[in-house]
């Protein structure tokens, strides 16, 4: 039986508890990248030699400055989810 590969990345949004204690589960699954969003800050972690190390760049989106996302989200939060999605799409398109 063929095994499905892990997703390219996981996004953890830490509201009531920290996601760091779940990293070992992701590592066993072979998940190459985790993004953790907590209190307006986004951190990127890459799996290297069985453990996650913080990174400045995403493997999945290497040409995007992923750490700019929290600012875009916060600037558009008052206008709702649709406005946030639109702003993120426009930001991604501007980086091509």
PDB file of N, CA and C in Angstrom:
ATOM      1  N   UNK A   1       0.840  -1.178   0.000  1.00  0.00           N
ATOM      2  CA  UNK A   1       0.000   0.000   0.000  1.00  0.00           C
ATOM      3  C   UNK A   1       0.892   1.250   0.000  1.00  0.00           C
ATOM      4  N   UNK A   2       0.549   2.212  -0.846  1.00  0.00           N
ATOM      5  CA  UNK A   2       1.326   3.436  -0.975  1.00  0.00           C
ATOM      6  C   UNK A   2       0.932   4.438   0.105  1.00  0.00           C
ATOM      7  N   UNK A   3       1.937   5.084   0.686  1.00  0.00           N
ATOM      8  CA  UNK A   3       1.710   6.060   1.747  1.00  0.00           C
ATOM      9  C   UNK A   3       1.657   7.462   1.148  1.00  0.00           C
ATOM     10  N   UNK A   4       0.660   8.256   1.551  1.00  0.00           N
ATOM     11  CA  UNK A   4       0.558   9.640   1.091  1.00  0.00           C
ATOM     12  C   UNK A   4       1.683  10.464   1.707  1.00  0.00           C
ATOM     13  N   UNK A   5       2.259  11.393   0.926  1.00  0.00           N
ATOM     14  CA  UNK A   5       3.301  12.255   1.486  1.00  0.00           C
ATOM     15  C   UNK A   5       2.688  13.276   2.448  1.00  0.00           C
ATOM     16  N   UNK A   6       3.514  13.832   3.331  1.00  0.00           N
ATOM     17  CA  UNK A   6       2.985  14.862   4.240  1.00  0.00           C
ATOM     18  C   UNK A   6       2.681  16.131   3.456  1.00  0.00           C
ATOM     19  N   UNK A   7       1.871  17.026   4.011  1.00  0.00           N
ATOM     20  CA  UNK A   7       1.636  18.325   3.371  1.00  0.00           C
ATOM     21  C   UNK A   7       2.949  19.098   3.284  1.00  0.00           C
ATOM     22  N   UNK A   8       2.981  20.131   2.465  1.00  0.00           N
ATOM     23  CA  UNK A   8       4.181  20.954   2.322  1.00  0.00           C
ATOM     24  C   UNK A   8       4.457  21.791   3.565  1.00  0.00           C
ATOM     25  N   UNK A   9       3.375  22.228   4.221  1.00  0.00           N
ATOM     26  CA  UNK A   9       3.569  23.013   5.440  1.00  0.00           C
ATOM     27  C   UNK A   9       2.333  22.952   6.303  1.00  0.00           C
ATOM     28  N   UNK A  10       2.526  23.301   7.572  1.00  0.00           N
ATOM     29  CA  UNK A  10       1.416  23.427   8.521  1.00  0.00           C
ATOM     30  C   UNK A  10       1.446  24.849   9.059  1.00  0.00           C
ATOM     31  N   UNK A  11       0.282  25.388   9.302  1.00  0.00           N
ATOM     32  CA  UNK A  11       0.146  26.711   9.903  1.00  0.00           C
ATOM     33  C   UNK A  11      -0.498  26.532  11.270  1.00  0.00           C
ATOM     34  N   UNK A  12       0.210  26.945  12.293  1.00  0.00           N
ATOM     35  CA  UNK A  12      -0.294  26.887  13.661  1.00  0.00           C
ATOM     36  C   UNK A  12      -0.576  28.312  14.115  1.00  0.00           C
ATOM     37  N   UNK A  13      -1.786  28.550  14.576  1.00  0.00           N
ATOM     38  CA  UNK A  13      -2.143  29.860  15.114  1.00  0.00           C
ATOM     39  C   UNK A  13      -2.313  29.686  16.615  1.00  0.00           C
ATOM     40  N   UNK A  14      -1.391  30.241  17.360  1.00  0.00           N
ATOM     41  CA  UNK A  14      -1.370  30.060  18.807  1.00  0.00           C
ATOM     42  C   UNK A  14      -2.214  31.136  19.478  1.00  0.00           C
ATOM     43  N   UNK A  15      -3.356  30.702  20.007  1.00  0.00           N
ATOM     44  CA  UNK A  15      -4.249  31.620  20.698  1.00  0.00           C
ATOM     45  C   UNK A  15      -4.255  31.297  22.186  1.00  0.00           C
ATOM     46  N   UNK A  16      -4.547  30.054  22.515  1.00  0.00           N
ATOM     47  CA  UNK A  16      -4.640  29.682  23.926  1.00  0.00           C
ATOM     48  C   UNK A  16      -3.488  28.791  24.383  1.00  0.00           C
ATOM     49  N   UNK A  17      -2.825  28.119  23.461  1.00  0.00           N
ATOM     50  CA  UNK A  17      -1.689  27.277  23.846  1.00  0.00           C
ATOM     51  C   UNK A  17      -0.632  27.326  22.749  1.00  0.00           C
ATOM     52  N   UNK A  18       0.592  27.065  23.132  1.00  0.00           N
ATOM     53  CA  UNK A  18       1.710  27.109  22.193  1.00  0.00           C
ATOM     54  C   UNK A  18       1.784  25.806  21.402  1.00  0.00           C
ATOM     55  N   UNK A  19       2.191  25.919  20.153  1.00  0.00           N
ATOM     56  CA  UNK A  19       2.260  24.762  19.265  1.00  0.00           C
ATOM     57  C   UNK A  19       3.596  24.040  19.332  1.00  0.00           C
ATOM     58  N   UNK A  20       4.574  24.616  20.018  1.00  0.00           N
ATOM     59  CA  UNK A  20       5.909  24.019  20.043  1.00  0.00           C
ATOM     60  C   UNK A  20       5.913  22.584  20.540  1.00  0.00           C
ATOM     61  N   UNK A  21       5.004  22.224  21.447  1.00  0.00           N
ATOM     62  CA  UNK A  21       4.984  20.857  21.963  1.00  0.00           C
ATOM     63  C   UNK A  21       4.452  19.855  20.940  1.00  0.00           C
ATOM     64  N   UNK A  22       3.930  20.312  19.814  1.00  0.00           N
ATOM     65  CA  UNK A  22       3.455  19.414  18.757  1.00  0.00           C
ATOM     66  C   UNK A  22       4.508  19.207  17.661  1.00  0.00           C
ATOM     67  N   UNK A  23       5.629  19.890  17.760  1.00  0.00           N
ATOM     68  CA  UNK A  23       6.647  19.798  16.719  1.00  0.00           C
ATOM     69  C   UNK A  23       7.150  18.368  16.533  1.00  0.00           C
ATOM     70  N   UNK A  24       7.277  17.604  17.617  1.00  0.00           N
ATOM     71  CA  UNK A  24       7.777  16.232  17.488  1.00  0.00           C
ATOM     72  C   UNK A  24       6.819  15.373  16.668  1.00  0.00           C
ATOM     73  N   UNK A  25       5.540  15.639  16.760  1.00  0.00           N
ATOM     74  CA  UNK A  25       4.547  14.903  15.954  1.00  0.00           C
ATOM     75  C   UNK A  25       4.747  15.233  14.483  1.00  0.00           C
ATOM     76  N   UNK A  26       4.887  16.516  14.178  1.00  0.00           N
ATOM     77  CA  UNK A  26       5.122  16.928  12.792  1.00  0.00           C
ATOM     78  C   UNK A  26       6.422  16.337  12.256  1.00  0.00           C
ATOM     79  N   UNK A  27       7.452  16.288  13.090  1.00  0.00           N
ATOM     80  CA  UNK A  27       8.742  15.744  12.657  1.00  0.00           C
ATOM     81  C   UNK A  27       8.607  14.265  12.307  1.00  0.00           C
ATOM     82  N   UNK A  28       7.858  13.501  13.114  1.00  0.00           N
ATOM     83  CA  UNK A  28       7.646  12.075  12.810  1.00  0.00           C
ATOM     84  C   UNK A  28       6.904  11.892  11.498  1.00  0.00           C
ATOM     85  N   UNK A  29       6.037  12.831  11.162  1.00  0.00           N
ATOM     86  CA  UNK A  29       5.309  12.776   9.896  1.00  0.00           C
ATOM     87  C   UNK A  29       6.173  13.215   8.712  1.00  0.00           C
ATOM     88  N   UNK A  30       7.296  13.871   9.011  1.00  0.00           N
ATOM     89  CA  UNK A  30       8.178  14.353   7.959  1.00  0.00           C
ATOM     90  C   UNK A  30       7.719  15.652   7.325  1.00  0.00           C
ATOM     91  N   UNK A  31       6.938  16.434   8.064  1.00  0.00           N
ATOM     92  CA  UNK A  31       6.442  17.716   7.566  1.00  0.00           C
ATOM     93  C   UNK A  31       7.609  18.687   7.455  1.00  0.00           C
ATOM     94  N   UNK A  32       7.918  19.176   6.249  1.00  0.00           N
ATOM     95  CA  UNK A  32       9.134  19.973   6.068  1.00  0.00           C
ATOM     96  C   UNK A  32       9.093  21.397   6.626  1.00  0.00           C
ATOM     97  N   UNK A  33       7.892  21.959   6.832  1.00  0.00           N
ATOM     98  CA  UNK A  33       7.825  23.371   7.209  1.00  0.00           C
ATOM     99  C   UNK A  33       6.611  23.644   8.088  1.00  0.00           C
ATOM    100  N   UNK A  34       6.818  24.467   9.117  1.00  0.00           N
ATOM    101  CA  UNK A  34       5.739  24.901  10.008  1.00  0.00           C
ATOM    102  C   UNK A  34       5.807  26.416  10.127  1.00  0.00           C
ATOM    103  N   UNK A  35       4.646  27.057  10.032  1.00  0.00           N
ATOM    104  CA  UNK A  35       4.536  28.480  10.309  1.00  0.00           C
ATOM    105  C   UNK A  35       3.751  28.619  11.607  1.00  0.00           C
ATOM    106  N   UNK A  36       4.258  29.411  12.532  1.00  0.00           N
ATOM    107  CA  UNK A  36       3.559  29.660  13.800  1.00  0.00           C
ATOM    108  C   UNK A  36       3.243  31.145  13.908  1.00  0.00           C
ATOM    109  N   UNK A  37       1.966  31.441  14.040  1.00  0.00           N
ATOM    110  CA  UNK A  37       1.494  32.818  14.186  1.00  0.00           C
ATOM    111  C   UNK A  37       1.044  33.001  15.626  1.00  0.00           C
ATOM    112  N   UNK A  38       1.663  33.970  16.307  1.00  0.00           N
ATOM    113  CA  UNK A  38       1.339  34.202  17.710  1.00  0.00           C
ATOM    114  C   UNK A  38       1.491  35.687  18.012  1.00  0.00           C
ATOM    115  N   UNK A  39       0.429  36.301  18.476  1.00  0.00           N
ATOM    116  CA  UNK A  39       0.446  37.702  18.912  1.00  0.00           C
ATOM    117  C   UNK A  39       1.044  38.638  17.859  1.00  0.00           C
ATOM    118  N   UNK A  40       0.611  38.482  16.620  1.00  0.00           N
ATOM    119  CA  UNK A  40       1.052  39.369  15.561  1.00  0.00           C
ATOM    120  C   UNK A  40       2.419  39.055  14.987  1.00  0.00           C
ATOM    121  N   UNK A  41       3.013  37.934  15.373  1.00  0.00           N
ATOM    122  CA  UNK A  41       4.330  37.559  14.868  1.00  0.00           C
ATOM    123  C   UNK A  41       4.247  36.196  14.184  1.00  0.00           C
ATOM    124  N   UNK A  42       4.901  36.085  13.047  1.00  0.00           N
ATOM    125  CA  UNK A  42       4.930  34.837  12.293  1.00  0.00           C
ATOM    126  C   UNK A  42       6.351  34.301  12.276  1.00  0.00           C
ATOM    127  N   UNK A  43       6.515  33.060  12.718  1.00  0.00           N
ATOM    128  CA  UNK A  43       7.824  32.408  12.696  1.00  0.00           C
ATOM    129  C   UNK A  43       7.753  31.210  11.757  1.00  0.00           C
ATOM    130  N   UNK A  44       8.845  30.999  11.047  1.00  0.00           N
ATOM    131  CA  UNK A  44       8.953  29.891  10.105  1.00  0.00           C
ATOM    132  C   UNK A  44       9.956  28.900  10.672  1.00  0.00           C
ATOM    133  N   UNK A  45       9.569  27.625  10.672  1.00  0.00           N
ATOM    134  CA  UNK A  45      10.456  26.565  11.139  1.00  0.00           C
ATOM    135  C   UNK A  45      10.606  25.532  10.034  1.00  0.00           C
ATOM    136  N   UNK A  46      11.847  25.109   9.790  1.00  0.00           N
ATOM    137  CA  UNK A  46      12.131  24.097   8.779  1.00  0.00           C
ATOM    138  C   UNK A  46      12.700  22.857   9.446  1.00  0.00           C
ATOM    139  N   UNK A  47      12.270  21.701   8.962  1.00  0.00           N
ATOM    140  CA  UNK A  47      12.746  20.427   9.491  1.00  0.00           C
ATOM    141  C   UNK A  47      14.138  20.153   8.937  1.00  0.00           C
ATOM    142  N   UNK A  48      15.096  20.010   9.848  1.00  0.00           N
ATOM    143  CA  UNK A  48      16.481  19.732   9.466  1.00  0.00           C
ATOM    144  C   UNK A  48      17.048  18.701  10.431  1.00  0.00           C
ATOM    145  N   UNK A  49      17.453  17.566   9.884  1.00  0.00           N
ATOM    146  CA  UNK A  49      18.026  16.473  10.688  1.00  0.00           C
ATOM    147  C   UNK A  49      17.106  16.073  11.838  1.00  0.00           C
ATOM    148  N   UNK A  50      15.796  16.016  11.560  1.00  0.00           N
ATOM    149  CA  UNK A  50      14.834  15.537  12.541  1.00  0.00           C
ATOM    150  C   UNK A  50      14.341  16.549  13.550  1.00  0.00           C
ATOM    151  N   UNK A  51      14.791  17.798  13.452  1.00  0.00           N
ATOM    152  CA  UNK A  51      14.289  18.824  14.368  1.00  0.00           C
ATOM    153  C   UNK A  51      14.004  20.109  13.601  1.00  0.00           C
ATOM    154  N   UNK A  52      13.155  20.944  14.190  1.00  0.00           N
ATOM    155  CA  UNK A  52      12.765  22.195  13.548  1.00  0.00           C
ATOM    156  C   UNK A  52      13.650  23.339  14.011  1.00  0.00           C
ATOM    157  N   UNK A  53      14.173  24.051  13.017  1.00  0.00           N
ATOM    158  CA  UNK A  53      14.989  25.228  13.284  1.00  0.00           C
ATOM    159  C   UNK A  53      14.319  26.434  12.657  1.00  0.00           C
ATOM    160  N   UNK A  54      14.351  27.561  13.373  1.00  0.00           N
ATOM    161  CA  UNK A  54      13.724  28.772  12.853  1.00  0.00           C
ATOM    162  C   UNK A  54      14.477  29.254  11.615  1.00  0.00           C
ATOM    163  N   UNK A  55      13.726  29.777  10.652  1.00  0.00           N
ATOM    164  CA  UNK A  55      14.292  30.213   9.383  1.00  0.00           C
ATOM    165  C   UNK A  55      13.743  31.581   9.001  1.00  0.00           C
ATOM    166  N   UNK A  56      14.509  32.324   8.255  1.00  0.00           N
ATOM    167  CA  UNK A  56      14.058  33.609   7.738  1.00  0.00           C
ATOM    168  C   UNK A  56      13.214  33.436   6.476  1.00  0.00           C
ATOM    169  N   UNK A  57      13.405  32.330   5.768  1.00  0.00           N
ATOM    170  CA  UNK A  57      12.738  32.101   4.477  1.00  0.00           C
ATOM    171  C   UNK A  57      11.933  30.813   4.506  1.00  0.00           C
ATOM    172  N   UNK A  58      10.901  30.792   3.708  1.00  0.00           N
ATOM    173  CA  UNK A  58      10.066  29.621   3.514  1.00  0.00           C
ATOM    174  C   UNK A  58      10.626  28.783   2.363  1.00  0.00           C
ATOM    175  N   UNK A  59      10.584  27.462   2.514  1.00  0.00           N
ATOM    176  CA  UNK A  59      10.938  26.575   1.400  1.00  0.00           C
ATOM    177  C   UNK A  59       9.821  26.544   0.366  1.00  0.00           C
ATOM    178  N   UNK A  60       8.588  26.649   0.836  1.00  0.00           N
ATOM    179  CA  UNK A  60       7.425  26.554  -0.040  1.00  0.00           C
ATOM    180  C   UNK A  60       7.264  27.827  -0.875  1.00  0.00           C
ATOM    181  N   UNK A  61       7.517  28.974  -0.250  1.00  0.00           N
ATOM    182  CA  UNK A  61       7.398  30.260  -0.928  1.00  0.00           C
ATOM    183  C   UNK A  61       8.708  31.043  -0.775  1.00  0.00           C
ATOM    184  N   UNK A  62       9.772  30.594  -1.416  1.00  0.00           N
ATOM    185  CA  UNK A  62      11.093  31.203  -1.187  1.00  0.00           C
ATOM    186  C   UNK A  62      11.216  32.655  -1.634  1.00  0.00           C
ATOM    187  N   UNK A  63      10.404  33.083  -2.577  1.00  0.00           N
ATOM    188  CA  UNK A  63      10.537  34.452  -3.080  1.00  0.00           C
ATOM    189  C   UNK A  63       9.688  35.462  -2.305  1.00  0.00           C
ATOM    190  N   UNK A  64       8.892  35.004  -1.357  1.00  0.00           N
ATOM    191  CA  UNK A  64       8.031  35.909  -0.593  1.00  0.00           C
ATOM    192  C   UNK A  64       8.627  36.203   0.782  1.00  0.00           C
ATOM    193  N   UNK A  65       8.490  37.432   1.200  1.00  0.00           N
ATOM    194  CA  UNK A  65       8.883  37.821   2.555  1.00  0.00           C
ATOM    195  C   UNK A  65       7.712  37.486   3.473  1.00  0.00           C
ATOM    196  N   UNK A  66       7.638  36.245   3.889  1.00  0.00           N
ATOM    197  CA  UNK A  66       6.505  35.730   4.661  1.00  0.00           C
ATOM    198  C   UNK A  66       6.289  36.517   5.948  1.00  0.00           C
ATOM    199  N   UNK A  67       7.331  37.027   6.520  1.00  0.00           N
ATOM    200  CA  UNK A  67       7.202  37.768   7.782  1.00  0.00           C
ATOM    201  C   UNK A  67       6.452  39.084   7.625  1.00  0.00           C
ATOM    202  N   UNK A  68       6.169  39.507   6.382  1.00  0.00           N
ATOM    203  CA  UNK A  68       5.356  40.700   6.145  1.00  0.00           C
ATOM    204  C   UNK A  68       3.861  40.425   6.332  1.00  0.00           C
ATOM    205  N   UNK A  69       3.478  39.163   6.334  1.00  0.00           N
ATOM    206  CA  UNK A  69       2.049  38.811   6.411  1.00  0.00           C
ATOM    207  C   UNK A  69       1.336  39.348   7.652  1.00  0.00           C
ATOM    208  N   UNK A  70       1.907  39.245   8.852  1.00  0.00           N
ATOM    209  CA  UNK A  70       1.175  39.767  10.019  1.00  0.00           C
ATOM    210  C   UNK A  70       0.794  41.235   9.885  1.00  0.00           C
ATOM    211  N   UNK A  71       1.676  42.044   9.333  1.00  0.00           N
ATOM    212  CA  UNK A  71       1.368  43.463   9.152  1.00  0.00           C
ATOM    213  C   UNK A  71       0.202  43.646   8.178  1.00  0.00           C
ATOM    214  N   UNK A  72       0.193  42.879   7.099  1.00  0.00           N
ATOM    215  CA  UNK A  72      -0.905  42.956   6.125  1.00  0.00           C
ATOM    216  C   UNK A  72      -2.214  42.537   6.779  1.00  0.00           C
ATOM    217  N   UNK A  73      -2.163  41.479   7.562  1.00  0.00           N
ATOM    218  CA  UNK A  73      -3.364  40.991   8.256  1.00  0.00           C
ATOM    219  C   UNK A  73      -3.885  42.055   9.218  1.00  0.00           C
ATOM    220  N   UNK A  74      -2.991  42.617  10.026  1.00  0.00           N
ATOM    221  CA  UNK A  74      -3.409  43.605  11.016  1.00  0.00           C
ATOM    222  C   UNK A  74      -3.952  44.874  10.361  1.00  0.00           C
ATOM    223  N   UNK A  75      -3.373  45.299   9.258  1.00  0.00           N
ATOM    224  CA  UNK A  75      -3.834  46.500   8.567  1.00  0.00           C
ATOM    225  C   UNK A  75      -5.242  46.327   8.011  1.00  0.00           C
ATOM    226  N   UNK A  76      -5.638  45.090   7.726  1.00  0.00           N
ATOM    227  CA  UNK A  76      -6.933  44.844   7.097  1.00  0.00           C
ATOM    228  C   UNK A  76      -7.928  44.139   8.004  1.00  0.00           C
ATOM    229  N   UNK A  77      -7.534  43.849   9.238  1.00  0.00           N
ATOM    230  CA  UNK A  77      -8.388  43.090  10.162  1.00  0.00           C
ATOM    231  C   UNK A  77      -9.747  43.744  10.382  1.00  0.00           C
ATOM    232  N   UNK A  78      -9.778  45.052  10.536  1.00  0.00           N
ATOM    233  CA  UNK A  78     -11.035  45.754  10.828  1.00  0.00           C
ATOM    234  C   UNK A  78     -12.041  45.646   9.681  1.00  0.00           C
ATOM    235  N   UNK A  79     -11.550  45.355   8.482  1.00  0.00           N
ATOM    236  CA  UNK A  79     -12.433  45.259   7.318  1.00  0.00           C
ATOM    237  C   UNK A  79     -12.923  43.832   7.046  1.00  0.00           C
ATOM    238  N   UNK A  80     -12.506  42.873   7.874  1.00  0.00           N
ATOM    239  CA  UNK A  80     -13.015  41.512   7.760  1.00  0.00           C
ATOM    240  C   UNK A  80     -12.121  40.575   6.951  1.00  0.00           C
ATOM    241  N   UNK A  81     -12.523  39.302   6.984  1.00  0.00           N
ATOM    242  CA  UNK A  81     -11.736  38.240   6.338  1.00  0.00           C
ATOM    243  C   UNK A  81     -11.589  38.432   4.836  1.00  0.00           C
ATOM    244  N   UNK A  82     -12.656  38.859   4.214  1.00  0.00           N
ATOM    245  CA  UNK A  82     -12.607  39.053   2.758  1.00  0.00           C
ATOM    246  C   UNK A  82     -11.546  40.096   2.384  1.00  0.00           C
ATOM    247  N   UNK A  83     -11.492  41.170   3.134  1.00  0.00           N
ATOM    248  CA  UNK A  83     -10.502  42.221   2.886  1.00  0.00           C
ATOM    249  C   UNK A  83      -9.088  41.698   3.118  1.00  0.00           C
ATOM    250  N   UNK A  84      -8.923  40.873   4.144  1.00  0.00           N
ATOM    251  CA  UNK A  84      -7.609  40.282   4.418  1.00  0.00           C
ATOM    252  C   UNK A  84      -7.187  39.390   3.252  1.00  0.00           C
ATOM    253  N   UNK A  85      -8.088  38.515   2.800  1.00  0.00           N
ATOM    254  CA  UNK A  85      -7.761  37.628   1.668  1.00  0.00           C
ATOM    255  C   UNK A  85      -7.388  38.427   0.429  1.00  0.00           C
ATOM    256  N   UNK A  86      -8.149  39.480   0.163  1.00  0.00           N
ATOM    257  CA  UNK A  86      -7.876  40.313  -1.011  1.00  0.00           C
ATOM    258  C   UNK A  86      -6.506  40.983  -0.885  1.00  0.00           C
ATOM    259  N   UNK A  87      -6.207  41.513   0.288  1.00  0.00           N
ATOM    260  CA  UNK A  87      -4.924  42.184   0.506  1.00  0.00           C
ATOM    261  C   UNK A  87      -3.758  41.204   0.363  1.00  0.00           C
ATOM    262  N   UNK A  88      -3.916  40.000   0.882  1.00  0.00           N
ATOM    263  CA  UNK A  88      -2.852  38.994   0.761  1.00  0.00           C
ATOM    264  C   UNK A  88      -2.657  38.599  -0.697  1.00  0.00           C
ATOM    265  N   UNK A  89      -3.755  38.391  -1.422  1.00  0.00           N
ATOM    266  CA  UNK A  89      -3.654  38.053  -2.856  1.00  0.00           C
ATOM    267  C   UNK A  89      -2.925  39.151  -3.624  1.00  0.00           C
ATOM    268  N   UNK A  90      -3.299  40.397  -3.363  1.00  0.00           N
ATOM    269  CA  UNK A  90      -2.656  41.525  -4.047  1.00  0.00           C
ATOM    270  C   UNK A  90      -1.171  41.597  -3.697  1.00  0.00           C
ATOM    271  N   UNK A  91      -0.831  41.346  -2.453  1.00  0.00           N
ATOM    272  CA  UNK A  91       0.559  41.355  -2.015  1.00  0.00           C
ATOM    273  C   UNK A  91       1.358  40.274  -2.756  1.00  0.00           C
ATOM    274  N   UNK A  92       0.791  39.062  -2.841  1.00  0.00           N
ATOM    275  CA  UNK A  92       1.470  37.967  -3.537  1.00  0.00           C
ATOM    276  C   UNK A  92       1.662  38.317  -5.016  1.00  0.00           C
ATOM    277  N   UNK A  93       0.622  38.840  -5.654  1.00  0.00           N
ATOM    278  CA  UNK A  93       0.726  39.210  -7.068  1.00  0.00           C
ATOM    279  C   UNK A  93       1.782  40.288  -7.298  1.00  0.00           C
ATOM    280  N   UNK A  94       1.920  41.202  -6.370  1.00  0.00           N
ATOM    281  CA  UNK A  94       2.902  42.284  -6.525  1.00  0.00           C
ATOM    282  C   UNK A  94       4.337  41.783  -6.419  1.00  0.00           C
ATOM    283  N   UNK A  95       4.517  40.582  -5.880  1.00  0.00           N
ATOM    284  CA  UNK A  95       5.859  40.016  -5.694  1.00  0.00           C
ATOM    285  C   UNK A  95       6.318  39.155  -6.858  1.00  0.00           C
ATOM    286  N   UNK A  96       5.439  38.929  -7.829  1.00  0.00           N
ATOM    287  CA  UNK A  96       5.792  38.072  -8.980  1.00  0.00           C
ATOM    288  C   UNK A  96       6.716  38.764  -9.930  1.00  0.00           C
TER     289      UNK A  96
END
